[in-house]
Protein backbone atom coordinates (compact mmCIF):
# COMPACT_ATOMS: atom_id res chain seq x y z
CA MET A 1 -13.28 -9.50 -21.33
CA ILE A 2 -13.96 -9.75 -17.89
CA GLY A 3 -13.61 -12.94 -17.54
CA GLU A 4 -10.30 -12.85 -19.12
CA LYS A 5 -9.17 -10.31 -17.23
CA ILE A 6 -10.26 -12.86 -13.46
CA LYS A 7 -8.59 -15.28 -15.41
CA ALA A 8 -5.16 -13.41 -15.90
CA PHE A 9 -4.92 -12.77 -12.30
CA ARG A 10 -6.08 -15.89 -11.37
CA LYS A 11 -2.81 -17.53 -13.57
CA LEU A 12 -0.40 -14.76 -12.23
CA HIS A 13 -1.17 -15.61 -8.95
CA ASN A 14 -0.35 -19.18 -10.21
CA LEU A 15 -3.79 -20.29 -8.77
CA SER A 16 -5.49 -22.63 -9.84
CA GLN A 17 -9.03 -23.05 -10.76
CA VAL A 18 -9.93 -24.75 -7.70
CA GLU A 19 -8.32 -23.00 -5.38
CA PHE A 20 -8.91 -19.95 -6.66
CA SER A 21 -12.59 -20.55 -6.69
CA THR A 22 -12.24 -22.00 -2.95
CA ALA A 23 -11.15 -19.07 -1.85
CA LEU A 24 -13.30 -16.83 -3.38
CA GLY A 25 -16.53 -17.94 -2.00
CA ILE A 26 -17.73 -20.21 -5.48
CA SER A 27 -17.27 -23.01 -7.68
CA GLN A 28 -14.95 -24.73 -9.47
CA GLY A 29 -17.41 -24.81 -12.03
CA ASN A 30 -18.44 -21.48 -12.56
CA LEU A 31 -15.18 -20.00 -11.76
CA SER A 32 -14.82 -21.96 -15.31
CA GLU A 33 -17.45 -20.07 -16.43
CA ILE A 34 -16.89 -16.40 -15.46
CA GLU A 35 -13.08 -17.20 -16.82
CA LYS A 36 -15.59 -18.07 -20.50
CA GLY A 37 -17.56 -15.08 -20.97
CA ASN A 38 -20.58 -16.93 -20.32
CA SER A 39 -21.13 -15.34 -16.91
CA LYS A 40 -20.51 -13.12 -14.80
CA PRO A 41 -19.05 -13.01 -11.06
CA SER A 42 -21.94 -11.78 -8.33
CA ALA A 43 -21.57 -9.20 -6.59
CA ASP A 44 -20.48 -10.98 -3.69
CA THR A 45 -17.68 -12.76 -5.68
CA LEU A 46 -16.64 -8.83 -6.56
CA ILE A 47 -16.52 -8.25 -2.60
CA ALA A 48 -14.57 -11.04 -2.53
CA LEU A 49 -11.92 -10.02 -4.94
CA ARG A 50 -11.18 -7.26 -3.43
CA ILE A 51 -11.07 -8.39 0.14
CA LYS A 52 -9.63 -11.15 0.18
CA TYR A 53 -6.61 -10.58 -3.24
CA GLY A 54 -7.20 -6.42 -3.27
CA PHE A 55 -8.67 -6.15 -6.98
CA ASP A 56 -8.49 -3.13 -8.20
CA LEU A 57 -12.92 -3.09 -9.71
CA ASN A 58 -11.89 -0.34 -10.91
CA TRP A 59 -9.66 -1.50 -13.33
CA LEU A 60 -11.91 -4.90 -13.67
CA LEU A 61 -14.94 -3.26 -14.17
CA VAL A 62 -14.51 0.12 -16.29
CA GLU A 63 -13.89 -1.47 -19.38
CA GLU A 64 -17.55 -3.72 -19.54
CA VAL A 65 -19.30 0.54 -18.50
CA GLN A 66 -17.30 1.72 -21.59
CA ASN A 67 -18.55 -1.42 -24.13
CA ARG A 68 -21.70 -0.45 -22.76
CA SER A 69 -21.80 3.01 -23.01
CA ASN A 70 -21.12 4.29 -26.46
CA CYS A 71 -18.39 6.14 -24.78
CA GLN A 72 -15.71 7.53 -27.52
CA GLU A 73 -11.52 5.59 -27.62
CA GLY A 74 -9.80 6.13 -25.45
CA ASP A 75 -11.94 7.95 -22.70
CA TYR A 76 -10.92 5.18 -20.14
CA ASP A 77 -7.11 5.33 -21.64
CA ALA A 78 -5.87 5.25 -17.13
CA PHE A 79 -7.42 1.90 -16.52
CA SER A 80 -6.83 -0.14 -19.23
CA LEU A 81 -4.14 -1.89 -17.27
CA THR A 82 -2.77 -5.28 -17.84
CA PRO A 83 -2.60 -7.13 -14.08
CA VAL A 84 1.09 -6.95 -13.57
CA GLU A 85 -0.15 -2.78 -14.07
CA ALA A 86 -3.28 -3.31 -11.34
CA ASP A 87 -1.13 -5.31 -9.21
CA LEU A 88 1.74 -2.94 -8.89
CA ILE A 89 -1.31 -0.25 -8.01
CA SER A 90 -2.53 -2.26 -5.08
CA MET A 91 0.42 -3.47 -3.25
CA TYR A 92 1.21 0.52 -3.49
CA ARG A 93 -1.72 1.38 -2.30
CA ARG A 94 -1.31 -0.73 1.31
CA LEU A 95 2.35 0.40 1.27
CA ASN A 96 2.02 4.13 3.68
CA SER A 97 2.59 7.14 3.20
CA ASP A 98 6.37 7.48 3.13
CA TYR A 99 7.02 4.62 1.52
CA GLN A 100 4.49 5.78 -1.16
CA GLU A 101 6.92 8.70 -1.41
CA ASN A 102 9.94 5.77 -1.73
CA VAL A 103 8.54 4.15 -4.98
CA ILE A 104 7.97 7.89 -6.70
CA GLU A 105 11.37 8.86 -5.89
CA PHE A 106 12.72 5.10 -6.88
CA VAL A 107 10.56 5.89 -9.91
CA ASP A 108 12.12 9.18 -10.80
CA TYR A 109 15.13 8.32 -10.31
CA LYS A 110 15.37 4.68 -12.70
CA LEU A 111 13.83 7.06 -15.49
CA GLN A 112 16.08 10.16 -15.37
CA LYS A 113 18.81 6.84 -15.35
CA LYS A 114 16.87 5.27 -18.59
CA SER A 115 16.77 9.22 -20.07
CA ARG A 116 20.87 9.59 -19.69
CA GLU A 117 21.36 6.35 -21.77
CA PHE A 118 20.06 7.28 -24.27
């Protein structure tokens, strides 16, 4: 699952394996093995994902933890994000508090407008 999420993130950003692996400081072969689920990313690779791309490591790792700890299904639903959702959260977190408030107001406006349409 970790590899699938990393691959989805890479494709979302229109990066080749060579471009993405170079940015992370790993070989293309290593990235390929991670994406196929044949190996796990190292701590250094995870740190590079976070620093270079603002990657949400909770989103990446929480399902793996859930599977290993036998938690009940749904305990981590808040972290089951698509790559687009994770990207939106990452961008939101980089905004200052005033801009974050603007985003919340905009979403509220859109939701109210949508509810009036039905």
